[in-house]
Protein backbone atom coordinates (compact mmCIF):
# COMPACT_ATOMS: atom_id res chain seq x y z
CA MET A 1 87.26 146.22 15.26
CA LYS A 2 86.27 144.37 18.67
CA PHE A 3 87.60 140.71 19.30
CA TYR A 4 86.09 138.57 22.31
CA LEU A 5 86.40 134.93 23.60
CA ALA A 6 83.65 134.18 21.61
CA THR A 7 81.60 134.98 18.79
CA THR A 8 78.75 135.74 21.16
CA LEU A 9 79.00 139.13 22.37
CA PHE A 10 78.85 139.20 26.36
CA ILE A 11 77.39 142.32 28.07
CA HIS A 12 78.14 142.58 31.22
CA SER A 13 75.67 143.71 33.67
CA LEU A 14 78.07 146.11 35.67
CA LEU A 15 81.01 148.19 34.73
CA SER A 16 81.00 146.58 31.19
CA PHE A 17 84.29 145.87 29.82
CA THR A 18 85.28 145.89 25.82
CA LEU A 19 88.74 145.76 24.24
CA SER A 20 89.53 147.30 21.05
CA VAL A 21 92.46 146.71 18.81
CA ASN A 22 93.01 150.66 18.48
CA ALA A 23 92.33 151.23 22.26
CA ALA A 24 89.92 153.92 21.82
CA GLU A 25 87.69 152.27 24.23
CA PRO A 26 88.25 153.08 27.99
CA LEU A 27 89.05 149.71 29.96
CA PHE A 28 86.64 150.94 32.93
CA ASP A 29 82.97 151.93 32.69
CA MET A 30 83.34 154.95 35.33
CA GLU A 31 79.54 155.88 35.54
CA ALA A 32 79.29 152.30 36.83
CA ILE A 33 82.35 152.88 39.04
CA ARG A 34 80.67 155.61 40.53
CA ASP A 35 77.42 154.03 40.94
CA VAL A 36 76.60 154.09 44.54
CA SER A 37 73.29 151.67 44.24
CA THR A 38 75.51 148.56 43.29
CA LEU A 39 77.86 148.37 46.15
CA GLU A 40 75.56 146.03 47.76
CA VAL A 41 77.16 147.14 51.18
CA GLU A 42 77.38 144.82 53.98
CA VAL A 43 78.27 146.84 57.25
CA ILE A 44 80.68 144.28 58.92
CA GLU A 45 81.23 146.96 62.07
CA ASP A 46 79.55 150.67 62.14
CA TRP A 47 81.20 153.76 62.97
CA HIS A 48 82.83 153.51 66.45
CA LEU A 49 85.86 155.56 68.07
CA VAL A 50 88.83 153.82 68.10
CA LYS A 51 91.18 154.93 71.27
CA GLY A 52 95.06 154.88 71.37
CA ARG A 53 98.04 157.42 70.62
CA THR A 54 96.07 159.08 67.78
CA PRO A 55 92.29 158.29 68.09
CA SER A 56 89.86 157.77 65.19
CA ARG A 57 86.59 157.06 64.28
CA GLN A 58 86.62 153.73 61.92
CA LYS A 59 83.94 151.70 60.12
CA LEU A 60 84.20 148.40 58.15
CA ILE A 61 82.12 147.26 55.54
CA THR A 62 82.06 144.93 52.60
CA ILE A 63 81.41 145.70 48.78
CA LYS A 64 80.88 144.41 45.66
CA VAL A 65 82.98 145.82 43.02
CA GLY A 66 81.37 144.06 40.14
CA GLU A 67 81.64 140.65 38.06
CA ILE A 68 84.55 139.61 37.10
CA TRP A 69 82.67 137.95 34.55
CA PRO A 70 79.33 136.99 34.07
CA GLY A 71 77.81 135.67 37.36
CA GLN A 72 80.99 135.93 39.39
CA ASP A 73 80.64 138.49 41.87
CA TYR A 74 83.86 139.97 43.16
CA ARG A 75 83.65 141.25 46.93
CA MET A 76 86.24 142.94 48.80
CA PRO A 77 86.27 144.70 52.15
CA VAL A 78 86.93 148.22 52.89
CA ARG A 79 87.73 150.15 56.02
CA PHE A 80 87.01 153.68 56.97
CA VAL A 81 89.24 155.62 59.35
CA VAL A 82 87.97 159.70 60.06
CA PRO A 83 89.10 161.87 62.78
CA VAL A 84 87.21 161.75 65.97
CA GLU A 85 85.61 164.98 65.46
CA GLY A 86 84.77 166.39 62.05
CA LYS A 87 84.89 165.00 58.40
CA ALA A 88 87.81 163.70 56.66
CA ASN A 89 89.12 166.21 53.72
CA GLY A 90 90.58 163.66 51.51
CA PHE A 91 92.25 160.27 52.09
CA HIS A 92 94.85 158.03 51.86
CA LEU A 93 93.77 154.89 49.96
CA THR A 94 95.82 151.92 50.28
CA GLY A 95 95.44 148.34 49.32
CA GLY A 96 98.57 146.50 50.77
CA ASN A 97 96.44 145.09 54.16
CA GLN A 98 96.48 141.38 55.00
CA PRO A 99 92.69 140.46 55.39
CA GLN A 100 92.82 139.26 58.38
CA ARG A 101 94.58 142.25 59.85
CA LEU A 102 91.90 144.54 57.96
CA LYS A 103 89.14 142.87 60.10
CA GLN A 104 90.73 144.42 63.56
CA ASP A 105 90.72 148.16 64.08
CA THR A 106 93.61 150.11 62.49
CA HIS A 107 95.95 151.65 65.19
CA VAL A 108 96.83 154.98 63.25
CA SER A 109 100.54 155.83 63.03
CA ASN A 110 103.43 157.10 61.10
CA VAL A 111 102.51 159.13 58.45
CA ASP A 112 98.82 158.32 58.64
CA ALA A 113 98.88 159.85 62.27
CA ILE A 114 100.18 163.07 61.00
CA LEU A 115 97.43 162.67 58.12
CA LEU A 116 94.92 162.43 60.54
CA GLU A 117 95.63 165.06 62.85
CA ARG A 118 95.36 167.24 59.79
CA GLY A 119 91.89 165.48 59.03
CA ILE A 120 93.07 163.18 56.07
CA GLY A 121 91.62 160.47 56.24
CA GLN A 122 92.53 156.43 55.58
CA VAL A 123 90.68 154.04 53.44
CA GLN A 124 91.90 150.55 53.26
CA THR A 125 90.79 147.57 51.35
CA ILE A 126 92.68 144.42 49.67
CA ILE A 127 94.81 144.18 46.67
CA GLN A 128 96.33 140.84 47.04
CA VAL A 129 96.45 137.62 45.68
CA LEU A 130 93.05 136.32 45.80
CA GLN A 131 94.52 133.44 47.97
CA ALA A 132 95.19 135.42 50.62
CA SER A 133 91.33 136.41 50.82
CA GLY A 134 90.25 132.69 50.48
CA LEU A 135 89.66 132.81 46.93
CA GLY A 136 92.37 130.67 45.26
CA GLU A 137 90.27 128.54 43.11
CA LEU A 138 88.58 131.82 41.51
CA GLY A 139 92.09 133.30 40.60
CA LYS A 140 93.39 130.01 39.18
CA GLU A 141 90.18 130.13 37.15
CA SER A 142 90.91 133.70 36.33
CA GLU A 143 94.57 133.17 34.90
CA GLU A 144 92.89 130.08 33.09
CA ARG A 145 90.56 132.14 31.33
CA PHE A 146 93.00 134.98 30.55
CA ALA A 147 95.37 132.45 28.47
CA ARG A 148 92.89 131.70 26.31
CA SER A 149 90.88 134.69 26.10
CA LEU A 150 93.19 137.32 26.22
CA ASN A 151 90.47 139.74 27.92
CA PRO A 152 91.84 141.91 30.27
CA ARG A 153 88.41 141.51 32.25
CA ASP A 154 89.41 137.91 32.93
CA LYS A 155 92.83 138.86 34.76
CA ILE A 156 92.56 139.92 38.12
CA GLN A 157 95.58 142.55 37.69
CA TYR A 158 93.80 144.46 34.77
CA TRP A 159 90.12 144.82 36.34
CA ALA A 160 89.57 143.71 39.65
CA TRP A 161 92.45 145.37 41.55
CA PRO A 162 92.07 148.44 39.92
CA ALA A 163 88.11 148.46 40.37
CA THR A 164 88.44 147.78 43.72
CA MET A 165 90.48 150.45 44.41
CA MET A 166 88.08 152.73 42.64
CA ARG A 167 84.86 151.55 44.03
CA ALA A 168 86.40 151.93 47.74
CA ILE A 169 86.45 155.71 46.61
CA THR A 170 82.74 155.49 45.95
CA ALA A 171 81.83 153.82 48.95
CA ALA A 172 83.72 156.45 51.02
CA HIS A 173 82.26 159.26 49.14
CA ASP A 174 78.42 157.79 49.95
CA GLU A 175 79.50 158.39 53.65
CA THR A 176 79.03 161.97 53.38
CA ASP A 177 78.58 162.49 57.49
CA HIS A 178 82.17 161.21 57.78
CA PHE A 179 83.84 162.43 54.13
CA ASN A 180 83.95 165.25 52.43
CA PRO A 181 85.03 165.11 48.74
CA GLY A 182 89.06 165.96 48.63
CA LYS A 183 92.51 164.47 47.50
CA VAL A 184 93.11 160.91 47.50
CA ALA A 185 96.46 159.69 47.10
CA MET A 186 97.89 156.18 46.96
CA SER A 187 100.65 154.15 48.00
CA GLY A 188 102.48 150.95 47.72
CA GLY A 189 104.46 148.50 46.54
CA SER A 190 104.59 145.77 43.75
CA LYS A 191 100.82 144.98 42.88
CA ASN A 192 99.86 147.77 44.99
CA GLY A 193 101.97 150.18 42.95
CA ALA A 194 101.11 149.16 39.74
CA THR A 195 97.39 148.61 40.65
CA PRO A 196 96.83 152.62 41.93
CA SER A 197 99.12 153.43 38.97
CA LEU A 198 96.97 151.64 36.32
CA ALA A 199 93.61 153.12 38.44
CA ILE A 200 94.73 156.70 38.20
CA LEU A 201 94.64 157.00 34.72
CA HIS A 202 90.72 156.02 34.79
CA ASP A 203 89.68 157.67 37.86
CA GLU A 204 89.92 161.53 37.94
CA ARG A 205 89.29 161.57 41.76
CA MET A 206 92.42 160.25 42.54
CA THR A 207 95.05 163.08 42.61
CA GLY A 208 98.46 161.22 43.71
CA VAL A 209 100.47 158.27 43.15
CA PHE A 210 103.66 156.87 45.14
CA ALA A 211 104.58 153.31 43.77
CA THR A 212 107.69 151.36 44.15
CA VAL A 213 109.02 147.87 42.74
CA SER A 214 106.21 148.32 40.03
CA PRO A 215 105.81 148.86 36.05
CA ILE A 216 105.97 152.54 34.86
CA TRP A 217 106.74 152.51 30.85
CA ASP A 218 105.99 150.85 27.86
CA SER A 219 108.97 149.06 26.82
CA PRO A 220 109.31 146.43 23.75
CA LEU A 221 109.53 143.35 25.98
CA ARG A 222 106.14 144.35 27.73
CA LEU A 223 104.64 144.89 24.26
CA CYS A 224 105.55 141.20 23.58
CA ASP A 225 107.74 142.64 20.41
CA ARG A 226 108.87 139.57 19.02
CA ALA A 227 112.07 141.04 17.76
CA ALA A 228 113.23 141.97 21.77
CA TRP A 229 112.13 138.44 22.77
CA ASP A 230 113.98 136.52 20.24
CA SER A 231 117.18 138.75 21.03
CA LEU A 232 116.96 138.28 24.82
CA ILE A 233 116.54 134.82 24.24
CA ALA A 234 119.53 134.55 22.05
CA ASP A 235 121.70 136.42 24.32
CA TYR A 236 120.21 134.74 27.41
CA GLY A 237 118.85 131.26 26.52
CA PRO A 238 114.84 130.45 27.74
CA MET A 239 113.25 132.89 29.47
CA THR A 240 111.57 130.80 32.55
CA HIS A 241 111.36 133.46 35.10
CA SER A 242 107.62 134.29 36.46
CA PHE A 243 107.80 138.30 35.97
CA LEU A 244 111.09 139.25 33.62
CA GLY A 245 109.30 140.28 30.65
CA GLY A 246 105.85 140.60 32.19
CA HIS A 247 103.60 143.03 30.58
CA TYR A 248 102.32 144.67 33.37
CA GLY A 249 103.05 141.92 36.27
CA PRO A 250 103.67 138.27 35.32
CA VAL A 251 104.59 136.84 32.29
CA PHE A 252 101.73 135.65 30.88
CA ASN A 253 103.45 134.67 27.27
CA ARG A 254 104.16 131.10 27.69
CA GLN A 255 100.62 130.27 29.16
CA ALA A 256 98.78 132.07 26.30
CA LEU A 257 100.94 130.53 23.30
CA LYS A 258 100.23 126.88 24.91
CA ALA A 259 96.44 127.77 24.98
CA GLY A 260 96.72 128.57 21.41
CA ARG A 261 97.54 132.06 20.64
CA SER A 262 100.20 133.75 18.86
CA TRP A 263 102.62 136.38 18.98
CA GLU A 264 100.28 138.30 16.93
CA ASP A 265 97.62 137.82 19.16
CA LEU A 266 99.91 138.97 22.25
CA GLN A 267 100.79 141.75 20.37
CA ARG A 268 97.25 142.87 19.42
CA PHE A 269 96.49 142.54 23.03
CA THR A 270 99.12 144.79 24.48
CA ALA A 271 98.79 147.45 21.49
CA ALA A 272 94.73 147.61 22.56
CA VAL A 273 95.52 147.69 26.18
CA SER A 274 98.71 149.48 26.89
CA ASP A 275 97.38 153.02 26.77
CA GLY A 276 94.90 152.34 29.38
CA VAL A 277 97.59 150.39 31.74
CA PHE A 278 101.24 152.47 31.62
CA ILE A 279 101.68 155.64 33.29
CA SER A 280 104.30 156.50 30.42
CA ARG A 281 101.65 157.03 27.84
CA ASN A 282 99.30 159.38 29.74
CA LEU A 283 102.10 161.87 31.07
CA GLU A 284 100.40 164.86 29.28
CA ALA A 285 97.16 163.96 30.52
CA LEU A 286 98.21 163.92 34.31
CA LEU A 287 99.99 167.11 34.17
CA SER A 288 96.81 168.71 33.03
CA ARG A 289 94.99 166.99 36.33
CA LYS A 290 97.87 167.99 38.41
CA VAL A 291 98.38 164.58 39.15
CA ASP A 292 101.43 163.79 41.51
CA LEU A 293 103.47 160.92 40.64
CA PHE A 294 106.82 159.59 42.21
CA PHE A 295 108.34 156.00 41.97
CA GLU A 296 111.01 154.06 43.45
CA PRO A 297 111.30 150.99 41.00
CA GLY A 298 114.34 149.40 42.62
CA SER A 299 117.64 149.19 40.56
CA HIS A 300 117.22 144.96 40.45
CA ASP A 301 113.95 144.48 40.53
CA PHE A 302 112.23 141.85 38.38
CA VAL A 303 109.06 143.80 38.04
CA ALA A 304 110.60 147.23 37.06
CA PHE A 305 112.88 145.14 35.15
CA ASP A 306 113.50 147.84 32.18
CA LEU A 307 115.44 151.09 33.62
CA ALA A 308 117.66 151.09 30.93
CA TRP A 309 115.05 151.48 28.38
CA GLY A 310 112.84 153.72 30.56
CA GLY A 311 115.70 156.06 31.36
CA ALA A 312 116.64 156.87 27.56
CA HIS A 313 112.66 157.12 26.93
CA TYR A 314 111.12 158.80 29.84
CA PRO A 315 113.75 161.11 31.28
CA ASP A 316 111.34 163.47 32.94
CA ILE A 317 109.23 160.90 35.15
CA PRO A 318 110.34 161.66 38.78
CA LEU A 319 111.98 158.59 40.70
CA TYR A 320 114.52 157.49 43.11
CA ILE A 321 116.53 154.31 42.39
CA GLY A 322 117.89 152.80 45.49
CA ALA A 323 121.37 151.13 44.87
CA ASN A 324 120.73 147.04 44.69
CA THR A 325 117.24 147.22 45.83
CA GLY A 326 114.21 145.11 44.31
CA HIS A 327 112.07 142.21 45.34
CA GLY A 328 114.20 139.66 47.18
CA ILE A 329 117.38 141.88 47.07
CA LYS A 330 119.02 141.49 50.40
CA ASP A 331 122.18 143.37 49.63
CA ARG A 332 123.03 146.46 51.72
CA HIS A 333 124.89 148.59 49.51
CA PRO A 334 127.22 150.99 51.19
CA GLY A 335 126.67 153.97 49.49
CA ILE A 336 122.64 153.51 49.94
CA GLU A 337 120.42 156.35 51.34
CA ARG A 338 119.51 154.92 54.57
CA ASP A 339 117.61 158.10 55.38
CA ALA A 340 115.63 158.44 52.70
CA ASN A 341 111.94 159.32 53.90
CA ASN A 342 110.19 159.93 50.17
CA ARG A 343 106.66 158.22 50.74
CA THR A 344 106.44 160.59 54.11
CA ALA A 345 107.61 163.87 52.48
CA PHE A 346 105.54 163.17 49.07
CA LEU A 347 102.06 162.56 51.31
CA LEU A 348 102.54 165.40 53.33
CA ASN A 349 103.60 167.80 50.51
CA HIS A 350 100.12 166.04 48.53
CA PHE A 351 97.96 166.94 51.22
CA PHE A 352 99.14 170.25 52.66
CA ASP A 353 100.34 173.13 50.41
CA GLU A 354 102.61 174.60 53.11
CA VAL A 355 105.48 171.27 52.78
CA THR A 356 108.04 172.19 50.51
CA PRO A 357 108.09 169.96 47.15
CA MET A 358 110.74 167.47 46.38
CA LEU A 359 113.52 168.28 44.10
CA PRO A 360 112.65 168.36 40.25
CA VAL A 361 114.12 165.52 38.19
CA PRO A 362 117.52 166.71 37.66
CA ASN A 363 119.62 166.72 34.45
CA ILE A 364 122.36 164.64 33.43
CA ALA A 365 125.29 165.16 31.24
CA THR A 366 128.36 162.42 30.09
CA GLU A 367 131.94 162.98 28.70
CA LEU A 368 134.34 160.31 27.81
CA SER A 369 137.92 161.48 28.10
CA ASN A 370 141.16 160.06 28.63
CA GLY A 371 140.12 156.66 29.97
CA SER A 372 137.33 158.22 32.43
CA LEU A 373 133.54 159.25 32.22
CA SER A 374 132.87 162.69 33.85
CA VAL A 375 129.27 162.85 35.11
CA HIS A 376 127.70 165.95 35.55
CA THR A 377 124.30 166.76 36.78
CA SER A 378 122.48 169.83 37.19
CA PHE A 379 118.81 171.01 37.87
CA PRO A 380 116.41 173.43 36.35
CA ASN A 381 114.92 177.04 37.81
CA GLU A 382 117.99 177.59 39.82
CA GLU A 383 116.82 174.76 42.29
CA SER A 384 119.64 172.74 43.98
CA ALA A 385 120.75 170.02 46.45
CA GLU A 386 122.19 169.72 49.43
CA SER A 387 124.30 166.77 48.65
CA ALA A 388 124.74 164.05 45.59
CA ARG A 389 125.90 160.78 45.04
CA LEU A 390 127.05 158.73 42.02
CA PHE A 391 126.58 154.93 41.03
CA TRP A 392 127.29 152.73 38.07
CA ILE A 393 127.77 149.45 36.84
CA VAL A 394 130.12 148.30 33.99
CA ASN A 395 128.56 145.73 31.34
CA ARG A 396 125.22 145.35 33.10
CA PRO A 397 123.22 142.82 31.19
CA SER A 398 120.46 143.78 29.20
CA ASP A 399 116.90 145.12 30.87
CA GLY A 400 114.63 141.79 31.59
CA SER A 401 117.58 139.43 31.82
CA PRO A 402 118.33 136.83 34.42
CA GLY A 403 121.67 138.82 34.87
CA TYR A 404 120.02 142.30 35.04
CA ILE A 405 118.55 141.16 38.82
CA LYS A 406 121.55 138.98 39.43
CA GLU A 407 124.71 141.42 38.75
CA LEU A 408 124.57 143.97 41.42
CA ILE A 409 126.43 147.15 41.72
CA PRO A 410 129.55 146.75 43.06
CA HIS A 411 129.82 148.01 46.62
CA GLU A 412 132.95 150.16 45.30
CA ASN A 413 131.00 151.84 42.62
CA TRP A 414 129.94 154.98 44.13
CA SER A 415 131.26 158.27 44.86
CA GLU A 416 130.37 161.50 46.70
CA MET A 417 129.74 164.13 43.76
CA GLU A 418 131.43 167.61 44.09
CA SER A 419 129.34 170.95 43.70
CA ARG A 420 130.48 173.26 41.30
CA ASP A 421 129.16 176.29 39.61
CA GLY A 422 125.79 175.24 40.57
CA ALA A 423 126.33 171.66 38.95
CA TRP A 424 127.43 168.56 40.88
CA GLN A 425 130.51 166.44 39.03
CA ALA A 426 132.27 163.07 39.42
CA SER A 427 134.52 161.06 37.23
CA ILE A 428 134.48 157.45 36.61
CA PRO A 429 137.71 155.74 35.82
CA LEU A 430 136.84 152.89 32.92
CA PRO A 431 138.19 149.25 32.92
CA HIS A 432 139.42 148.24 29.65
CA ASP A 433 137.55 145.81 28.87
CA ALA A 434 133.93 147.99 29.59
CA THR A 435 131.74 147.81 26.38
CA HIS A 436 129.08 149.95 28.45
CA ILE A 437 128.42 151.81 31.67
CA ASP A 438 124.96 152.16 33.49
CA VAL A 439 125.09 155.43 35.63
CA PHE A 440 122.69 157.18 38.17
CA ALA A 441 123.28 160.25 40.72
CA ASN A 442 121.00 160.53 43.74
CA HIS A 443 120.57 163.97 44.95
CA GLU A 444 119.37 164.91 48.70
CA LYS A 445 117.07 167.56 49.98
CA THR A 446 115.54 167.86 53.52
CA ILE A 447 112.06 168.89 54.11
CA SER A 448 110.48 170.22 57.31
CA TYR A 449 107.63 169.78 58.79
CA ARG A 450 106.34 171.05 62.13
CA GLY A 451 110.41 170.45 63.65
CA THR A 452 110.39 167.51 61.96
CA HIS A 453 113.05 166.97 59.03
CA LEU A 454 112.83 164.71 56.38
CA SER A 455 115.68 163.52 53.95
CA THR A 456 114.41 163.08 50.45
CA TRP A 457 115.94 161.86 47.48
CA ILE A 458 115.70 162.15 43.69
CA SER A 459 117.75 160.31 41.08
CA THR A 460 118.83 161.41 37.56
CA PRO A 461 116.99 159.46 34.50
CA TYR A 462 119.13 156.37 34.53
CA THR A 463 121.69 156.31 31.72
CA ARG A 464 123.35 153.37 29.60
CA VAL A 465 126.52 154.88 28.16
CA ILE A 466 127.97 152.77 25.32
CA LEU A 467 131.44 152.58 25.29
CA LYS A 468 132.74 150.36 22.16
């Protein structure tokens, strides 16, 4: 069964999209995504030398991503960066670039300079709110259409942004004098974490994602579960936050209901698309492709608002939780790992086989005894950490609630863990009024690359312990 905005079946001329209730059909026509002939490339600045500490050759173009809806083209700029000599063997793909800045030559620095020196290029495009690209009216129309239709093709987050990243790969691979096919790693935060996390489910040319403050898993609130929403509202009152409870970004429930849709419509929509949206629903397939994944959701983020549920249901997803981090959080927790350099280490390990991998996800176990909570962590396969520290928060409000992002981890609620018999241990005294306590522990491993030492950190699954 398929449903559409109207009874007429619109056949899109490019990258056709259909939405089925059983989600049996893909969100993207990948044959069309890879079709070079439909890019309609406009060269803004052809290949040229860019001097600097790390010289490079660069080219700036615009491409046709496709039609968002019939008759509405969507075009975006793409900048290529390759070594001065030879071809790039794979590249780092990013969308967190500002339109005006992308018009200027990129001065390669930081980890991208290291990658370029070893023959790994860059492909840069724009994954930003459409107003930033002078397309504010298009963005507004997109939201209005989606509220009425619940057709993901109408919403930028589900189609235009992921398609932009995939089409940028198609454009790069067409530059055969400058790019060899190779690994494609993506990194970014917020919309630039969510977009590659979705795109990699569909495009097997993508091989790695490092995403921050963005959705990871399909919790009940995200799936528009009416019982979950009713419980949240009963406990915390009307929900008015723009992101808390959203399926894969901003909340659209209120707008869709106002436009005449029902809760059943919302549930049918999330049931139909979620297999093609969430990393959590595709772990086995990604593992079989040997995709590298790492996430930094933040402990108090309004986009990644469901740590307790995710930790309980997907404990094997690798992530690092920085204490009191997330969109707009300005608190500097004294225990936070200020030396964490996970992104650099992730990218180096992804592209270069000789770079030591980061730690695997540690196990966590808890035990109540005499008014205290004992926490034990350990690693599989005789892996070991150099240090570990434990964080906790008592009686934290529910996932997705306003209090979830407002009630921070108290500055005194952390401790260094002790290493004993191959495991890490710490004990937390419990206050008398504690009904539950949330804990997670971060573990350190130093990774070296050509004389540079990178401190990396990985967290245990976020764990809620019910006390009463």
